[in-house]
Amino acid sequence: MLRSRAALNSALLELIALRPFDQISVRDITAQAGVGYATFFRHHASKEALLERAAADQIRQLVATALAVMDATDTRASCMALCTYVDEHRAIWSALLTSGAQQVMRDEFARVAMEVSSTRANGWIPAEVGVLVTAGSTIEILSWWLRQTEKVPVAQVAKMLDWLVMSPLVLSGSAE
């Protein structure tokens, strides 16, 4: 069962790297995964549900990676970890963020970030606003980066993410 689920997830990510999500059928996914058509529906209600699961898996891993080094005084390290993870999984992230799954990724990032924010101290900005800004801005910056034809260094993207998104939100906790 776990093998079929993993095969379907991998197949979707492989296919989404080749063509837009709306041009991929469940039959395409099952053929790529080497599983039966009915097997797909034992695990997922639709290809959209599979996409949401794939996005959720990637976002959870991304947030866990960034949180492992998150420190209110060193947001750059967190941004560097986040960008390094995306760069190491560039094919998957490029596929997810440039194939019509960008909104799903943004929504899932916001959902996971909201869970995390409920366990951390908040500043004067409401947690939901901070989460929406963080999720939207992070996904937009990553999408921009992955669309570039000339390689933009990981450290440069991490610096942009830190200056534009993370540092202002952390610093906002002390605003009155």
N, C-alpha and C. Protein backbone atom coordinates (compact mmCIF):
# COMPACT_ATOMS: atom_id res chain seq x y z
N MET A 1 0.82 -1.19 0.00
CA MET A 1 0.00 0.00 0.00
C MET A 1 0.87 1.26 0.00
N LEU A 2 1.87 1.31 0.89
CA LEU A 2 2.76 2.47 0.94
C LEU A 2 3.56 2.60 -0.35
N ARG A 3 3.90 1.46 -0.93
CA ARG A 3 4.65 1.49 -2.18
C ARG A 3 3.82 2.11 -3.31
N SER A 4 2.55 1.76 -3.38
CA SER A 4 1.66 2.33 -4.40
C SER A 4 1.50 3.82 -4.20
N ARG A 5 1.31 4.24 -2.95
CA ARG A 5 1.15 5.66 -2.65
C ARG A 5 2.40 6.44 -3.05
N ALA A 6 3.56 5.90 -2.71
CA ALA A 6 4.82 6.56 -3.07
C ALA A 6 5.02 6.59 -4.59
N ALA A 7 4.63 5.50 -5.25
CA ALA A 7 4.77 5.45 -6.72
C ALA A 7 3.86 6.47 -7.39
N LEU A 8 2.66 6.62 -6.88
CA LEU A 8 1.73 7.62 -7.44
C LEU A 8 2.26 9.03 -7.22
N ASN A 9 2.78 9.29 -6.04
CA ASN A 9 3.34 10.61 -5.73
C ASN A 9 4.52 10.90 -6.67
N SER A 10 5.42 9.96 -6.80
CA SER A 10 6.58 10.14 -7.68
C SER A 10 6.15 10.33 -9.13
N ALA A 11 5.19 9.55 -9.55
CA ALA A 11 4.71 9.65 -10.93
C ALA A 11 4.14 11.03 -11.21
N LEU A 12 3.35 11.53 -10.28
CA LEU A 12 2.80 12.88 -10.48
C LEU A 12 3.91 13.90 -10.60
N LEU A 13 4.89 13.84 -9.72
CA LEU A 13 5.98 14.82 -9.74
C LEU A 13 6.80 14.70 -11.03
N GLU A 14 6.99 13.48 -11.52
CA GLU A 14 7.70 13.29 -12.79
C GLU A 14 6.90 13.89 -13.95
N LEU A 15 5.61 13.62 -13.97
CA LEU A 15 4.76 14.13 -15.05
C LEU A 15 4.61 15.64 -15.01
N ILE A 16 4.50 16.18 -13.82
CA ILE A 16 4.29 17.62 -13.68
C ILE A 16 5.54 18.40 -14.12
N ALA A 17 6.68 17.71 -14.11
CA ALA A 17 7.91 18.34 -14.60
C ALA A 17 7.92 18.40 -16.13
N LEU A 18 7.08 17.58 -16.75
CA LEU A 18 7.04 17.51 -18.22
C LEU A 18 5.94 18.34 -18.86
N ARG A 19 4.82 18.48 -18.13
CA ARG A 19 3.70 19.24 -18.71
C ARG A 19 2.81 19.81 -17.60
N PRO A 20 1.98 20.77 -17.96
CA PRO A 20 1.11 21.40 -16.95
C PRO A 20 0.16 20.38 -16.30
N PHE A 21 -0.15 20.64 -15.06
CA PHE A 21 -1.00 19.76 -14.27
C PHE A 21 -2.34 19.49 -14.94
N ASP A 22 -2.94 20.53 -15.54
CA ASP A 22 -4.26 20.34 -16.14
C ASP A 22 -4.23 19.46 -17.38
N GLN A 23 -3.04 19.13 -17.88
CA GLN A 23 -2.90 18.24 -19.04
C GLN A 23 -2.53 16.81 -18.63
N ILE A 24 -2.56 16.54 -17.34
CA ILE A 24 -2.22 15.22 -16.82
C ILE A 24 -3.50 14.54 -16.35
N SER A 25 -3.70 13.31 -16.78
CA SER A 25 -4.89 12.56 -16.37
C SER A 25 -4.51 11.53 -15.31
N VAL A 26 -5.52 10.99 -14.66
CA VAL A 26 -5.29 9.92 -13.69
C VAL A 26 -4.67 8.72 -14.40
N ARG A 27 -5.12 8.45 -15.62
CA ARG A 27 -4.54 7.33 -16.38
C ARG A 27 -3.06 7.56 -16.66
N ASP A 28 -2.68 8.80 -16.95
CA ASP A 28 -1.26 9.12 -17.14
C ASP A 28 -0.46 8.81 -15.87
N ILE A 29 -1.02 9.21 -14.74
CA ILE A 29 -0.34 9.02 -13.46
C ILE A 29 -0.19 7.53 -13.15
N THR A 30 -1.26 6.77 -13.32
CA THR A 30 -1.19 5.34 -13.01
C THR A 30 -0.25 4.60 -13.96
N ALA A 31 -0.25 5.00 -15.22
CA ALA A 31 0.68 4.38 -16.18
C ALA A 31 2.12 4.67 -15.79
N GLN A 32 2.40 5.90 -15.42
CA GLN A 32 3.75 6.29 -15.02
C GLN A 32 4.16 5.57 -13.73
N ALA A 33 3.20 5.39 -12.83
CA ALA A 33 3.49 4.74 -11.54
C ALA A 33 3.55 3.22 -11.65
N GLY A 34 2.98 2.68 -12.72
CA GLY A 34 2.95 1.23 -12.87
C GLY A 34 1.95 0.57 -11.92
N VAL A 35 0.86 1.28 -11.65
CA VAL A 35 -0.19 0.72 -10.79
C VAL A 35 -1.51 0.77 -11.54
N GLY A 36 -2.47 -0.01 -11.07
CA GLY A 36 -3.78 -0.06 -11.71
C GLY A 36 -4.58 1.21 -11.47
N TYR A 37 -5.47 1.48 -12.38
CA TYR A 37 -6.35 2.66 -12.31
C TYR A 37 -7.14 2.67 -11.00
N ALA A 38 -7.69 1.53 -10.62
CA ALA A 38 -8.49 1.44 -9.39
C ALA A 38 -7.63 1.70 -8.16
N THR A 39 -6.36 1.31 -8.24
CA THR A 39 -5.45 1.54 -7.10
C THR A 39 -5.34 3.03 -6.79
N PHE A 40 -5.34 3.84 -7.83
CA PHE A 40 -5.26 5.29 -7.62
C PHE A 40 -6.38 5.74 -6.68
N PHE A 41 -7.59 5.29 -6.96
CA PHE A 41 -8.76 5.75 -6.22
C PHE A 41 -8.88 5.11 -4.83
N ARG A 42 -8.08 4.09 -4.55
CA ARG A 42 -8.01 3.58 -3.18
C ARG A 42 -7.22 4.53 -2.29
N HIS A 43 -6.38 5.33 -2.91
CA HIS A 43 -5.52 6.25 -2.16
C HIS A 43 -5.95 7.71 -2.25
N HIS A 44 -6.55 8.09 -3.38
CA HIS A 44 -6.87 9.50 -3.62
C HIS A 44 -8.21 9.63 -4.32
N ALA A 45 -8.96 10.65 -3.94
CA ALA A 45 -10.26 10.88 -4.56
C ALA A 45 -10.14 11.47 -5.96
N SER A 46 -9.03 12.18 -6.21
CA SER A 46 -8.83 12.85 -7.50
C SER A 46 -7.36 13.16 -7.69
N LYS A 47 -7.02 13.59 -8.89
CA LYS A 47 -5.63 13.98 -9.11
C LYS A 47 -5.30 15.24 -8.32
N GLU A 48 -6.30 16.08 -8.07
CA GLU A 48 -6.10 17.27 -7.25
C GLU A 48 -5.75 16.89 -5.82
N ALA A 49 -6.38 15.83 -5.31
CA ALA A 49 -6.08 15.36 -3.96
C ALA A 49 -4.64 14.84 -3.88
N LEU A 50 -4.21 14.15 -4.93
CA LEU A 50 -2.82 13.68 -4.99
C LEU A 50 -1.87 14.87 -5.02
N LEU A 51 -2.19 15.88 -5.80
CA LEU A 51 -1.35 17.08 -5.87
C LEU A 51 -1.27 17.76 -4.50
N GLU A 52 -2.40 17.85 -3.82
CA GLU A 52 -2.40 18.46 -2.48
C GLU A 52 -1.52 17.67 -1.52
N ARG A 53 -1.56 16.36 -1.62
CA ARG A 53 -0.71 15.53 -0.76
C ARG A 53 0.76 15.73 -1.09
N ALA A 54 1.09 15.76 -2.38
CA ALA A 54 2.49 15.98 -2.78
C ALA A 54 2.97 17.35 -2.31
N ALA A 55 2.12 18.36 -2.47
CA ALA A 55 2.47 19.71 -2.02
C ALA A 55 2.64 19.73 -0.50
N ALA A 56 1.75 19.08 0.20
CA ALA A 56 1.82 19.05 1.66
C ALA A 56 3.11 18.39 2.13
N ASP A 57 3.50 17.29 1.49
CA ASP A 57 4.74 16.60 1.86
C ASP A 57 5.93 17.52 1.68
N GLN A 58 5.99 18.20 0.54
CA GLN A 58 7.11 19.11 0.28
C GLN A 58 7.13 20.30 1.23
N ILE A 59 5.98 20.87 1.48
CA ILE A 59 5.90 22.03 2.37
C ILE A 59 6.28 21.63 3.80
N ARG A 60 5.78 20.48 4.26
CA ARG A 60 6.14 20.04 5.62
C ARG A 60 7.65 19.86 5.75
N GLN A 61 8.25 19.28 4.74
CA GLN A 61 9.70 19.08 4.78
C GLN A 61 10.43 20.42 4.74
N LEU A 62 9.96 21.34 3.91
CA LEU A 62 10.57 22.66 3.81
C LEU A 62 10.48 23.40 5.14
N VAL A 63 9.31 23.42 5.75
CA VAL A 63 9.13 24.12 7.01
C VAL A 63 9.96 23.45 8.11
N ALA A 64 9.99 22.13 8.16
CA ALA A 64 10.79 21.44 9.17
C ALA A 64 12.27 21.78 9.01
N THR A 65 12.73 21.85 7.77
CA THR A 65 14.13 22.19 7.51
C THR A 65 14.43 23.60 7.99
N ALA A 66 13.57 24.54 7.67
CA ALA A 66 13.79 25.93 8.07
C ALA A 66 13.66 26.10 9.59
N LEU A 67 12.67 25.44 10.19
CA LEU A 67 12.47 25.58 11.63
C LEU A 67 13.61 24.97 12.44
N ALA A 68 14.27 23.98 11.88
CA ALA A 68 15.37 23.34 12.59
C ALA A 68 16.47 24.33 12.92
N VAL A 69 16.58 25.39 12.13
CA VAL A 69 17.62 26.39 12.37
C VAL A 69 17.05 27.76 12.69
N MET A 70 15.72 27.83 12.81
CA MET A 70 15.07 29.13 13.04
C MET A 70 15.43 29.67 14.42
N ASP A 71 15.83 30.91 14.43
CA ASP A 71 16.19 31.58 15.66
C ASP A 71 15.85 33.05 15.45
N ALA A 72 15.17 33.64 16.38
CA ALA A 72 14.73 35.03 16.22
C ALA A 72 15.87 35.97 15.91
N THR A 73 17.08 35.59 16.29
CA THR A 73 18.21 36.48 16.01
C THR A 73 18.97 36.08 14.74
N ASP A 74 18.64 34.97 14.13
CA ASP A 74 19.35 34.53 12.92
C ASP A 74 18.38 33.99 11.88
N THR A 75 17.53 34.87 11.38
CA THR A 75 16.59 34.46 10.35
C THR A 75 17.30 34.10 9.06
N ARG A 76 18.50 34.63 8.84
CA ARG A 76 19.26 34.32 7.62
C ARG A 76 19.57 32.83 7.55
N ALA A 77 19.95 32.21 8.67
CA ALA A 77 20.25 30.78 8.67
C ALA A 77 19.02 29.97 8.27
N SER A 78 17.87 30.38 8.77
CA SER A 78 16.63 29.70 8.42
C SER A 78 16.34 29.84 6.93
N CYS A 79 16.51 31.05 6.41
CA CYS A 79 16.29 31.29 4.98
C CYS A 79 17.27 30.50 4.13
N MET A 80 18.51 30.41 4.60
CA MET A 80 19.52 29.64 3.86
C MET A 80 19.15 28.16 3.84
N ALA A 81 18.68 27.63 4.97
CA ALA A 81 18.26 26.22 5.02
C ALA A 81 17.09 25.98 4.08
N LEU A 82 16.12 26.89 4.10
CA LEU A 82 14.95 26.78 3.25
C LEU A 82 15.35 26.79 1.77
N CYS A 83 16.19 27.74 1.38
CA CYS A 83 16.60 27.85 -0.03
C CYS A 83 17.50 26.69 -0.45
N THR A 84 18.33 26.22 0.45
CA THR A 84 19.18 25.06 0.14
C THR A 84 18.32 23.84 -0.10
N TYR A 85 17.29 23.65 0.72
CA TYR A 85 16.37 22.52 0.52
C TYR A 85 15.71 22.60 -0.85
N VAL A 86 15.20 23.77 -1.20
CA VAL A 86 14.54 23.93 -2.50
C VAL A 86 15.53 23.67 -3.63
N ASP A 87 16.75 24.18 -3.50
CA ASP A 87 17.75 23.99 -4.53
C ASP A 87 18.11 22.50 -4.68
N GLU A 88 18.21 21.79 -3.57
CA GLU A 88 18.52 20.35 -3.61
C GLU A 88 17.39 19.53 -4.21
N HIS A 89 16.17 20.07 -4.18
CA HIS A 89 15.00 19.40 -4.74
C HIS A 89 14.39 20.27 -5.85
N ARG A 90 15.26 20.92 -6.57
CA ARG A 90 14.87 21.93 -7.57
C ARG A 90 13.89 21.41 -8.61
N ALA A 91 14.09 20.21 -9.11
CA ALA A 91 13.19 19.67 -10.15
C ALA A 91 11.76 19.57 -9.63
N ILE A 92 11.62 19.05 -8.42
CA ILE A 92 10.28 18.90 -7.83
C ILE A 92 9.65 20.27 -7.60
N TRP A 93 10.43 21.18 -6.99
CA TRP A 93 9.89 22.51 -6.68
C TRP A 93 9.59 23.30 -7.94
N SER A 94 10.44 23.19 -8.94
CA SER A 94 10.16 23.87 -10.22
C SER A 94 8.85 23.36 -10.80
N ALA A 95 8.69 22.05 -10.77
CA ALA A 95 7.45 21.47 -11.30
C ALA A 95 6.24 21.96 -10.51
N LEU A 96 6.34 21.93 -9.19
CA LEU A 96 5.20 22.32 -8.37
C LEU A 96 4.87 23.80 -8.48
N LEU A 97 5.89 24.64 -8.60
CA LEU A 97 5.63 26.08 -8.60
C LEU A 97 5.44 26.69 -9.98
N THR A 98 5.69 25.94 -11.03
CA THR A 98 5.53 26.51 -12.36
C THR A 98 4.53 25.75 -13.22
N SER A 99 3.75 24.86 -12.60
CA SER A 99 2.86 24.01 -13.40
C SER A 99 1.39 24.19 -13.05
N GLY A 100 1.06 25.24 -12.38
CA GLY A 100 -0.32 25.43 -12.00
C GLY A 100 -0.61 25.00 -10.58
N ALA A 101 0.41 24.53 -9.87
CA ALA A 101 0.22 24.09 -8.48
C ALA A 101 0.65 25.17 -7.49
N GLN A 102 0.99 26.34 -7.98
CA GLN A 102 1.48 27.40 -7.12
C GLN A 102 0.47 27.77 -6.03
N GLN A 103 -0.80 27.87 -6.36
CA GLN A 103 -1.80 28.23 -5.35
C GLN A 103 -1.94 27.13 -4.30
N VAL A 104 -1.88 25.88 -4.73
CA VAL A 104 -1.94 24.77 -3.79
C VAL A 104 -0.75 24.84 -2.84
N MET A 105 0.43 25.14 -3.37
CA MET A 105 1.63 25.26 -2.55
C MET A 105 1.48 26.42 -1.56
N ARG A 106 0.99 27.55 -2.03
CA ARG A 106 0.80 28.72 -1.16
C ARG A 106 -0.19 28.39 -0.03
N ASP A 107 -1.30 27.76 -0.39
CA ASP A 107 -2.32 27.41 0.61
C ASP A 107 -1.77 26.43 1.64
N GLU A 108 -1.03 25.44 1.17
CA GLU A 108 -0.47 24.45 2.08
C GLU A 108 0.60 25.08 2.98
N PHE A 109 1.42 25.95 2.41
CA PHE A 109 2.43 26.66 3.20
C PHE A 109 1.73 27.46 4.30
N ALA A 110 0.67 28.17 3.95
CA ALA A 110 -0.07 28.97 4.93
C ALA A 110 -0.67 28.07 6.01
N ARG A 111 -1.20 26.92 5.62
CA ARG A 111 -1.81 26.00 6.59
C ARG A 111 -0.76 25.50 7.58
N VAL A 112 0.39 25.06 7.07
CA VAL A 112 1.45 24.54 7.94
C VAL A 112 2.03 25.66 8.79
N ALA A 113 2.23 26.82 8.18
CA ALA A 113 2.77 27.96 8.93
C ALA A 113 1.82 28.39 10.04
N MET A 114 0.52 28.29 9.81
CA MET A 114 -0.46 28.65 10.85
C MET A 114 -0.36 27.68 12.02
N GLU A 115 -0.16 26.39 11.72
CA GLU A 115 0.03 25.41 12.78
C GLU A 115 1.26 25.76 13.61
N VAL A 116 2.35 26.10 12.93
CA VAL A 116 3.60 26.44 13.61
C VAL A 116 3.44 27.72 14.41
N SER A 117 2.78 28.72 13.84
CA SER A 117 2.65 30.01 14.52
C SER A 117 1.84 29.89 15.81
N SER A 118 0.98 28.91 15.88
CA SER A 118 0.17 28.75 17.10
C SER A 118 1.02 28.27 18.27
N THR A 119 2.23 27.76 17.99
CA THR A 119 3.11 27.29 19.05
C THR A 119 4.22 28.28 19.37
N ARG A 120 4.22 29.41 18.68
CA ARG A 120 5.27 30.41 18.89
C ARG A 120 4.66 31.72 19.35
N ALA A 121 5.48 32.48 20.06
CA ALA A 121 5.00 33.78 20.55
C ALA A 121 4.76 34.71 19.36
N ASN A 122 3.69 35.49 19.45
CA ASN A 122 3.35 36.44 18.39
C ASN A 122 3.65 37.86 18.83
N GLY A 123 3.96 38.69 17.87
CA GLY A 123 4.15 40.11 18.14
C GLY A 123 2.82 40.83 17.98
N TRP A 124 2.88 42.09 17.63
CA TRP A 124 1.66 42.89 17.51
C TRP A 124 0.91 42.60 16.22
N ILE A 125 1.58 41.97 15.23
CA ILE A 125 0.90 41.61 13.98
C ILE A 125 0.11 40.32 14.23
N PRO A 126 -1.17 40.30 13.88
CA PRO A 126 -1.94 39.06 14.06
C PRO A 126 -1.27 37.89 13.34
N ALA A 127 -1.26 36.73 13.97
CA ALA A 127 -0.60 35.55 13.41
C ALA A 127 -1.06 35.26 11.99
N GLU A 128 -2.35 35.39 11.73
CA GLU A 128 -2.87 35.09 10.39
C GLU A 128 -2.27 36.02 9.34
N VAL A 129 -2.10 37.30 9.66
CA VAL A 129 -1.49 38.25 8.72
C VAL A 129 -0.04 37.87 8.47
N GLY A 130 0.69 37.57 9.54
CA GLY A 130 2.08 37.16 9.39
C GLY A 130 2.23 35.92 8.53
N VAL A 131 1.34 34.96 8.75
CA VAL A 131 1.37 33.71 7.98
C VAL A 131 1.07 33.98 6.51
N LEU A 132 0.04 34.77 6.24
CA LEU A 132 -0.32 35.06 4.84
C LEU A 132 0.80 35.78 4.11
N VAL A 133 1.42 36.74 4.78
CA VAL A 133 2.54 37.48 4.17
C VAL A 133 3.72 36.55 3.94
N THR A 134 4.04 35.76 4.95
CA THR A 134 5.17 34.84 4.84
C THR A 134 4.95 33.81 3.74
N ALA A 135 3.79 33.17 3.74
CA ALA A 135 3.49 32.14 2.74
C ALA A 135 3.49 32.72 1.33
N GLY A 136 2.74 33.79 1.14
CA GLY A 136 2.64 34.38 -0.20
C GLY A 136 3.97 34.88 -0.71
N SER A 137 4.68 35.62 0.12
CA SER A 137 5.97 36.19 -0.31
C SER A 137 7.01 35.11 -0.55
N THR A 138 7.06 34.12 0.32
CA THR A 138 8.04 33.03 0.15
C THR A 138 7.78 32.28 -1.14
N ILE A 139 6.55 31.92 -1.40
CA ILE A 139 6.22 31.19 -2.63
C ILE A 139 6.52 32.05 -3.86
N GLU A 140 6.20 33.34 -3.82
CA GLU A 140 6.49 34.23 -4.96
C GLU A 140 7.99 34.34 -5.22
N ILE A 141 8.79 34.49 -4.16
CA ILE A 141 10.24 34.60 -4.32
C ILE A 141 10.80 33.29 -4.86
N LEU A 142 10.37 32.17 -4.32
CA LEU A 142 10.85 30.88 -4.81
C LEU A 142 10.44 30.65 -6.26
N SER A 143 9.21 31.01 -6.60
CA SER A 143 8.74 30.86 -7.98
C SER A 143 9.58 31.71 -8.93
N TRP A 144 9.83 32.94 -8.54
CA TRP A 144 10.67 33.83 -9.36
C TRP A 144 12.03 33.19 -9.57
N TRP A 145 12.64 32.72 -8.50
CA TRP A 145 13.97 32.12 -8.55
C TRP A 145 14.01 30.93 -9.50
N LEU A 146 13.03 30.06 -9.40
CA LEU A 146 13.02 28.84 -10.20
C LEU A 146 12.73 29.10 -11.68
N ARG A 147 12.17 30.26 -11.99
CA ARG A 147 11.90 30.62 -13.40
C ARG A 147 13.09 31.28 -14.08
N GLN A 148 14.11 31.66 -13.34
CA GLN A 148 15.25 32.37 -13.93
C GLN A 148 16.03 31.47 -14.86
N THR A 149 16.40 32.03 -16.02
CA THR A 149 17.20 31.25 -16.97
C THR A 149 18.67 31.23 -16.58
N GLU A 150 19.13 32.29 -15.92
CA GLU A 150 20.50 32.31 -15.41
C GLU A 150 20.46 31.98 -13.92
N LYS A 151 21.39 31.16 -13.49
CA LYS A 151 21.39 30.69 -12.10
C LYS A 151 21.60 31.84 -11.12
N VAL A 152 20.68 31.93 -10.17
CA VAL A 152 20.79 32.90 -9.07
C VAL A 152 21.26 32.09 -7.87
N PRO A 153 22.37 32.50 -7.25
CA PRO A 153 22.93 31.72 -6.13
C PRO A 153 21.95 31.58 -4.95
N VAL A 154 22.02 30.43 -4.30
CA VAL A 154 21.18 30.14 -3.14
C VAL A 154 21.32 31.24 -2.09
N ALA A 155 22.54 31.65 -1.83
CA ALA A 155 22.78 32.67 -0.79
C ALA A 155 22.10 33.99 -1.14
N GLN A 156 22.04 34.34 -2.41
CA GLN A 156 21.39 35.59 -2.82
C GLN A 156 19.87 35.50 -2.60
N VAL A 157 19.29 34.36 -2.93
CA VAL A 157 17.85 34.19 -2.73
C VAL A 157 17.54 34.18 -1.23
N ALA A 158 18.38 33.51 -0.44
CA ALA A 158 18.18 33.48 1.01
C ALA A 158 18.26 34.90 1.58
N LYS A 159 19.18 35.69 1.09
CA LYS A 159 19.32 37.07 1.55
C LYS A 159 18.08 37.89 1.20
N MET A 160 17.56 37.72 -0.02
CA MET A 160 16.34 38.43 -0.42
C MET A 160 15.17 38.01 0.47
N LEU A 161 15.03 36.72 0.67
CA LEU A 161 13.94 36.20 1.50
C LEU A 161 14.04 36.73 2.93
N ASP A 162 15.25 36.76 3.43
CA ASP A 162 15.46 37.27 4.79
C ASP A 162 15.13 38.75 4.88
N TRP A 163 15.65 39.56 3.98
CA TRP A 163 15.44 41.01 4.03
C TRP A 163 14.00 41.41 3.75
N LEU A 164 13.38 40.72 2.78
CA LEU A 164 12.03 41.11 2.37
C LEU A 164 10.91 40.50 3.22
N VAL A 165 11.16 39.32 3.78
CA VAL A 165 10.07 38.61 4.45
C VAL A 165 10.36 38.32 5.93
N MET A 166 11.40 37.57 6.20
CA MET A 166 11.60 37.07 7.56
C MET A 166 12.01 38.14 8.56
N SER A 167 13.06 38.86 8.27
CA SER A 167 13.51 39.88 9.22
C SER A 167 12.44 40.90 9.56
N PRO A 168 11.73 41.45 8.57
CA PRO A 168 10.69 42.41 8.94
C PRO A 168 9.61 41.83 9.86
N LEU A 169 9.26 40.56 9.66
CA LEU A 169 8.24 39.95 10.52
C LEU A 169 8.76 39.71 11.93
N VAL A 170 10.00 39.26 12.03
CA VAL A 170 10.59 39.03 13.35
C VAL A 170 10.75 40.36 14.08
N LEU A 171 11.25 41.36 13.36
CA LEU A 171 11.44 42.68 13.97
C LEU A 171 10.12 43.32 14.36
N SER A 172 9.03 42.97 13.66
CA SER A 172 7.72 43.56 13.94
C SER A 172 7.21 43.16 15.32
N GLY A 173 7.77 42.09 15.86
CA GLY A 173 7.34 41.65 17.18
C GLY A 173 7.65 42.67 18.27
N SER A 174 8.59 43.57 17.98
CA SER A 174 8.95 44.57 19.00
C SER A 174 8.32 45.93 18.70
N ALA A 175 7.57 46.08 17.62
CA ALA A 175 6.95 47.35 17.28
C ALA A 175 5.81 47.67 18.24
N GLU A 176 5.58 48.95 18.45
CA GLU A 176 4.47 49.35 19.34
C GLU A 176 3.50 50.22 18.64
